Amino acid sequence: MVLKDYQEEALRYIWEKKGEGASSRDVWSQVNKTLKTRSISRASIINFLNAMVDEGVLNYAEITGKGGHRRIYSMKFNEAQFKQYVAEVVLGNLMRDFPAETREAIKKVK
């Protein structure tokens, strides 16, 4: 609903790394292995990971090595905390933009 399939796979891979983190190349490689039916560009992965850093979902450490600087991404939240964060952001935005309609929809869900 909120994430594209490749974005979800990227986050799952970083969760599996349990704090050690992963480079965009590692994430890109794993996502393409997992999806099998199509290929996602490395730029799409990098843009998504950087957007998640900007949103406060991912942390990163910059390291230097052969070829220059690169980011190692790690999760700021575990999976349950991430789901809570998404729910809060989505509901907050809905309440801001469509308060009456959102309240009515929540009543129907209960």
N, C-alpha and C. Protein backbone atom coordinates (compact mmCIF):
# COMPACT_ATOMS: atom_id res chain seq x y z
N MET A 1 0.82 -1.19 0.00
CA MET A 1 0.00 0.00 0.00
C MET A 1 0.87 1.26 0.00
N VAL A 2 1.87 1.30 0.85
CA VAL A 2 2.70 2.49 0.97
C VAL A 2 4.01 2.33 0.20
N LEU A 3 4.55 1.12 0.20
CA LEU A 3 5.84 0.87 -0.43
C LEU A 3 5.68 0.02 -1.68
N LYS A 4 6.54 0.24 -2.65
CA LYS A 4 6.60 -0.63 -3.82
C LYS A 4 7.30 -1.92 -3.40
N ASP A 5 7.10 -2.98 -4.17
CA ASP A 5 7.66 -4.28 -3.79
C ASP A 5 9.17 -4.24 -3.62
N TYR A 6 9.86 -3.55 -4.50
CA TYR A 6 11.33 -3.51 -4.38
C TYR A 6 11.77 -2.71 -3.15
N GLN A 7 10.98 -1.71 -2.77
CA GLN A 7 11.30 -0.93 -1.58
C GLN A 7 11.13 -1.78 -0.31
N GLU A 8 10.07 -2.54 -0.29
CA GLU A 8 9.84 -3.45 0.84
C GLU A 8 10.97 -4.47 0.94
N GLU A 9 11.40 -5.01 -0.18
CA GLU A 9 12.50 -5.98 -0.18
C GLU A 9 13.80 -5.33 0.29
N ALA A 10 14.02 -4.09 -0.10
CA ALA A 10 15.23 -3.37 0.34
C ALA A 10 15.25 -3.22 1.86
N LEU A 11 14.12 -2.83 2.44
CA LEU A 11 14.05 -2.68 3.89
C LEU A 11 14.20 -4.03 4.59
N ARG A 12 13.56 -5.05 4.05
CA ARG A 12 13.68 -6.39 4.66
C ARG A 12 15.14 -6.85 4.69
N TYR A 13 15.85 -6.60 3.62
CA TYR A 13 17.26 -7.00 3.56
C TYR A 13 18.07 -6.27 4.63
N ILE A 14 17.82 -4.98 4.79
CA ILE A 14 18.57 -4.22 5.80
C ILE A 14 18.19 -4.69 7.20
N TRP A 15 16.90 -5.03 7.44
CA TRP A 15 16.51 -5.59 8.74
C TRP A 15 17.27 -6.89 9.02
N GLU A 16 17.42 -7.72 7.99
CA GLU A 16 18.13 -9.00 8.16
C GLU A 16 19.59 -8.80 8.55
N LYS A 17 20.16 -7.66 8.21
CA LYS A 17 21.57 -7.40 8.51
C LYS A 17 21.78 -7.09 9.99
N LYS A 18 20.72 -6.92 10.74
CA LYS A 18 20.75 -6.74 12.20
C LYS A 18 21.81 -5.77 12.69
N GLY A 19 21.78 -4.57 12.19
CA GLY A 19 22.66 -3.54 12.71
C GLY A 19 23.99 -3.39 12.00
N GLU A 20 24.43 -4.42 11.26
CA GLU A 20 25.72 -4.27 10.58
C GLU A 20 25.61 -3.39 9.34
N GLY A 21 24.40 -3.25 8.81
CA GLY A 21 24.17 -2.38 7.68
C GLY A 21 24.53 -3.00 6.35
N ALA A 22 24.22 -2.27 5.29
CA ALA A 22 24.47 -2.76 3.93
C ALA A 22 24.69 -1.58 3.00
N SER A 23 25.52 -1.79 2.01
CA SER A 23 25.75 -0.76 0.99
C SER A 23 24.61 -0.79 -0.02
N SER A 24 24.49 0.28 -0.80
CA SER A 24 23.46 0.31 -1.84
C SER A 24 23.69 -0.81 -2.85
N ARG A 25 24.94 -1.14 -3.11
CA ARG A 25 25.24 -2.24 -4.04
C ARG A 25 24.72 -3.57 -3.50
N ASP A 26 24.94 -3.81 -2.20
CA ASP A 26 24.44 -5.05 -1.59
C ASP A 26 22.91 -5.11 -1.65
N VAL A 27 22.28 -3.99 -1.31
CA VAL A 27 20.80 -3.94 -1.32
C VAL A 27 20.30 -4.15 -2.74
N TRP A 28 20.88 -3.46 -3.69
CA TRP A 28 20.47 -3.59 -5.10
C TRP A 28 20.60 -5.03 -5.58
N SER A 29 21.72 -5.66 -5.28
CA SER A 29 21.96 -7.03 -5.69
C SER A 29 20.92 -7.97 -5.09
N GLN A 30 20.66 -7.83 -3.80
CA GLN A 30 19.70 -8.70 -3.13
C GLN A 30 18.28 -8.48 -3.63
N VAL A 31 17.90 -7.24 -3.82
CA VAL A 31 16.55 -6.95 -4.32
C VAL A 31 16.34 -7.59 -5.68
N ASN A 32 17.30 -7.46 -6.57
CA ASN A 32 17.15 -8.05 -7.90
C ASN A 32 17.15 -9.57 -7.85
N LYS A 33 17.89 -10.17 -6.92
CA LYS A 33 17.83 -11.63 -6.73
C LYS A 33 16.46 -12.06 -6.25
N THR A 34 15.91 -11.31 -5.33
CA THR A 34 14.62 -11.66 -4.74
C THR A 34 13.47 -11.49 -5.73
N LEU A 35 13.48 -10.40 -6.48
CA LEU A 35 12.38 -10.12 -7.41
C LEU A 35 12.35 -11.08 -8.59
N LYS A 36 13.47 -11.45 -9.11
CA LYS A 36 13.64 -12.42 -10.21
C LYS A 36 12.98 -12.01 -11.52
N THR A 37 11.72 -11.56 -11.50
CA THR A 37 10.98 -11.34 -12.74
C THR A 37 11.33 -10.04 -13.45
N ARG A 38 11.94 -9.11 -12.74
CA ARG A 38 12.34 -7.85 -13.37
C ARG A 38 13.54 -7.28 -12.63
N SER A 39 14.14 -6.30 -13.25
CA SER A 39 15.35 -5.70 -12.68
C SER A 39 15.06 -4.26 -12.23
N ILE A 40 15.55 -3.93 -11.06
CA ILE A 40 15.42 -2.58 -10.52
C ILE A 40 16.78 -1.90 -10.69
N SER A 41 16.77 -0.65 -11.12
CA SER A 41 18.04 0.06 -11.32
C SER A 41 18.69 0.38 -9.98
N ARG A 42 19.99 0.49 -10.01
CA ARG A 42 20.72 0.86 -8.80
C ARG A 42 20.34 2.26 -8.36
N ALA A 43 20.09 3.14 -9.31
CA ALA A 43 19.68 4.52 -8.98
C ALA A 43 18.36 4.52 -8.20
N SER A 44 17.43 3.65 -8.58
CA SER A 44 16.16 3.56 -7.85
C SER A 44 16.39 3.15 -6.40
N ILE A 45 17.30 2.21 -6.20
CA ILE A 45 17.62 1.76 -4.84
C ILE A 45 18.29 2.89 -4.06
N ILE A 46 19.27 3.54 -4.66
CA ILE A 46 19.98 4.64 -3.98
C ILE A 46 19.00 5.76 -3.63
N ASN A 47 18.15 6.14 -4.56
CA ASN A 47 17.18 7.21 -4.30
C ASN A 47 16.23 6.83 -3.17
N PHE A 48 15.77 5.58 -3.16
CA PHE A 48 14.88 5.13 -2.09
C PHE A 48 15.59 5.13 -0.74
N LEU A 49 16.80 4.58 -0.69
CA LEU A 49 17.54 4.54 0.57
C LEU A 49 17.81 5.94 1.11
N ASN A 50 18.18 6.85 0.23
CA ASN A 50 18.43 8.23 0.66
C ASN A 50 17.14 8.91 1.12
N ALA A 51 16.03 8.61 0.46
CA ALA A 51 14.74 9.16 0.89
C ALA A 51 14.38 8.64 2.28
N MET A 52 14.69 7.38 2.56
CA MET A 52 14.41 6.81 3.87
C MET A 52 15.31 7.42 4.95
N VAL A 53 16.52 7.79 4.58
CA VAL A 53 17.40 8.53 5.50
C VAL A 53 16.76 9.89 5.80
N ASP A 54 16.31 10.58 4.75
CA ASP A 54 15.69 11.90 4.92
C ASP A 54 14.42 11.82 5.77
N GLU A 55 13.68 10.71 5.65
CA GLU A 55 12.46 10.52 6.44
C GLU A 55 12.75 10.13 7.88
N GLY A 56 14.00 9.77 8.16
CA GLY A 56 14.36 9.35 9.51
C GLY A 56 14.14 7.88 9.78
N VAL A 57 13.96 7.08 8.73
CA VAL A 57 13.74 5.64 8.88
C VAL A 57 15.05 4.88 8.89
N LEU A 58 16.01 5.33 8.10
CA LEU A 58 17.32 4.68 8.03
C LEU A 58 18.41 5.59 8.59
N ASN A 59 19.44 4.97 9.11
CA ASN A 59 20.68 5.65 9.47
C ASN A 59 21.71 5.29 8.41
N TYR A 60 22.80 6.04 8.36
CA TYR A 60 23.90 5.65 7.49
C TYR A 60 25.21 6.09 8.10
N ALA A 61 26.23 5.36 7.71
CA ALA A 61 27.61 5.73 8.05
C ALA A 61 28.35 5.83 6.74
N GLU A 62 29.14 6.86 6.59
CA GLU A 62 29.92 7.02 5.36
C GLU A 62 31.30 6.44 5.58
N ILE A 63 31.71 5.56 4.67
CA ILE A 63 33.03 4.96 4.76
C ILE A 63 33.79 5.25 3.47
N THR A 64 35.08 5.15 3.55
CA THR A 64 35.89 5.31 2.35
C THR A 64 36.55 3.98 2.03
N GLY A 65 36.73 3.77 0.79
CA GLY A 65 37.37 2.55 0.33
C GLY A 65 37.80 2.72 -1.10
N LYS A 66 38.14 1.62 -1.72
CA LYS A 66 38.53 1.66 -3.13
C LYS A 66 37.37 2.26 -3.93
N GLY A 67 37.64 3.29 -4.65
CA GLY A 67 36.59 3.93 -5.44
C GLY A 67 35.97 5.15 -4.77
N GLY A 68 36.34 5.44 -3.55
CA GLY A 68 35.83 6.65 -2.91
C GLY A 68 34.93 6.40 -1.72
N HIS A 69 34.01 7.33 -1.50
CA HIS A 69 33.09 7.28 -0.36
C HIS A 69 31.86 6.46 -0.70
N ARG A 70 31.31 5.80 0.32
CA ARG A 70 30.04 5.12 0.14
C ARG A 70 29.31 5.07 1.46
N ARG A 71 28.01 4.92 1.36
CA ARG A 71 27.17 4.87 2.54
C ARG A 71 26.86 3.42 2.90
N ILE A 72 26.86 3.15 4.20
CA ILE A 72 26.39 1.87 4.71
C ILE A 72 25.11 2.19 5.48
N TYR A 73 23.99 1.65 5.00
CA TYR A 73 22.68 1.95 5.55
C TYR A 73 22.31 0.93 6.63
N SER A 74 21.67 1.42 7.69
CA SER A 74 21.17 0.54 8.74
C SER A 74 19.81 1.06 9.21
N MET A 75 19.05 0.18 9.81
CA MET A 75 17.70 0.52 10.24
C MET A 75 17.73 1.34 11.52
N LYS A 76 16.86 2.31 11.57
CA LYS A 76 16.66 3.10 12.78
C LYS A 76 15.58 2.44 13.63
N PHE A 77 14.64 1.75 12.97
CA PHE A 77 13.51 1.09 13.63
C PHE A 77 13.54 -0.40 13.32
N ASN A 78 13.02 -1.22 14.24
CA ASN A 78 12.78 -2.61 13.88
C ASN A 78 11.48 -2.65 13.06
N GLU A 79 11.10 -3.82 12.61
CA GLU A 79 9.95 -3.90 11.70
C GLU A 79 8.66 -3.41 12.36
N ALA A 80 8.41 -3.78 13.60
CA ALA A 80 7.20 -3.35 14.29
C ALA A 80 7.19 -1.83 14.48
N GLN A 81 8.33 -1.27 14.86
CA GLN A 81 8.42 0.18 15.03
C GLN A 81 8.22 0.91 13.71
N PHE A 82 8.73 0.33 12.62
CA PHE A 82 8.56 0.93 11.31
C PHE A 82 7.08 0.95 10.92
N LYS A 83 6.39 -0.16 11.14
CA LYS A 83 4.96 -0.22 10.81
C LYS A 83 4.18 0.81 11.62
N GLN A 84 4.52 0.96 12.89
CA GLN A 84 3.88 1.97 13.74
C GLN A 84 4.15 3.36 13.19
N TYR A 85 5.38 3.62 12.79
CA TYR A 85 5.77 4.91 12.23
C TYR A 85 4.95 5.22 10.97
N VAL A 86 4.84 4.24 10.08
CA VAL A 86 4.08 4.44 8.84
C VAL A 86 2.62 4.74 9.16
N ALA A 87 2.03 3.97 10.08
CA ALA A 87 0.63 4.19 10.45
C ALA A 87 0.43 5.60 11.00
N GLU A 88 1.34 6.03 11.86
CA GLU A 88 1.22 7.37 12.44
C GLU A 88 1.36 8.46 11.38
N VAL A 89 2.30 8.30 10.48
CA VAL A 89 2.50 9.32 9.44
C VAL A 89 1.30 9.38 8.50
N VAL A 90 0.82 8.21 8.07
CA VAL A 90 -0.32 8.17 7.15
C VAL A 90 -1.56 8.77 7.81
N LEU A 91 -1.86 8.32 9.03
CA LEU A 91 -3.03 8.85 9.73
C LEU A 91 -2.89 10.35 10.02
N GLY A 92 -1.70 10.75 10.43
CA GLY A 92 -1.47 12.17 10.68
C GLY A 92 -1.72 13.02 9.45
N ASN A 93 -1.23 12.56 8.31
CA ASN A 93 -1.44 13.30 7.06
C ASN A 93 -2.90 13.30 6.65
N LEU A 94 -3.58 12.17 6.82
CA LEU A 94 -5.00 12.12 6.50
C LEU A 94 -5.81 13.05 7.41
N MET A 95 -5.47 13.06 8.70
CA MET A 95 -6.19 13.93 9.63
C MET A 95 -5.93 15.41 9.31
N ARG A 96 -4.73 15.71 8.87
CA ARG A 96 -4.41 17.09 8.49
C ARG A 96 -5.17 17.52 7.24
N ASP A 97 -5.20 16.64 6.23
CA ASP A 97 -5.76 17.00 4.92
C ASP A 97 -7.25 16.72 4.79
N PHE A 98 -7.74 15.66 5.44
CA PHE A 98 -9.14 15.25 5.32
C PHE A 98 -9.70 14.85 6.69
N PRO A 99 -9.75 15.76 7.64
CA PRO A 99 -10.11 15.37 9.00
C PRO A 99 -11.48 14.71 9.13
N ALA A 100 -12.51 15.29 8.57
CA ALA A 100 -13.86 14.73 8.72
C ALA A 100 -13.96 13.36 8.05
N GLU A 101 -13.43 13.26 6.85
CA GLU A 101 -13.51 12.01 6.11
C GLU A 101 -12.70 10.90 6.80
N THR A 102 -11.56 11.28 7.38
CA THR A 102 -10.72 10.30 8.07
C THR A 102 -11.42 9.81 9.32
N ARG A 103 -12.02 10.71 10.10
CA ARG A 103 -12.76 10.29 11.30
C ARG A 103 -13.89 9.34 10.93
N GLU A 104 -14.60 9.66 9.86
CA GLU A 104 -15.71 8.81 9.40
C GLU A 104 -15.19 7.44 8.98
N ALA A 105 -14.10 7.40 8.26
CA ALA A 105 -13.52 6.12 7.82
C ALA A 105 -13.07 5.29 9.02
N ILE A 106 -12.47 5.93 10.03
CA ILE A 106 -12.02 5.20 11.22
C ILE A 106 -13.20 4.59 11.95
N LYS A 107 -14.32 5.31 12.03
CA LYS A 107 -15.53 4.76 12.67
C LYS A 107 -15.98 3.48 11.97
N LYS A 108 -15.90 3.45 10.65
CA LYS A 108 -16.34 2.28 9.88
C LYS A 108 -15.40 1.09 10.09
N VAL A 109 -14.14 1.35 10.34
CA VAL A 109 -13.17 0.27 10.54
C VAL A 109 -13.38 -0.39 11.90
N LYS A 110 -13.70 0.39 12.90
CA LYS A 110 -13.89 -0.13 14.26
C LYS A 110 -15.05 -1.07 14.26
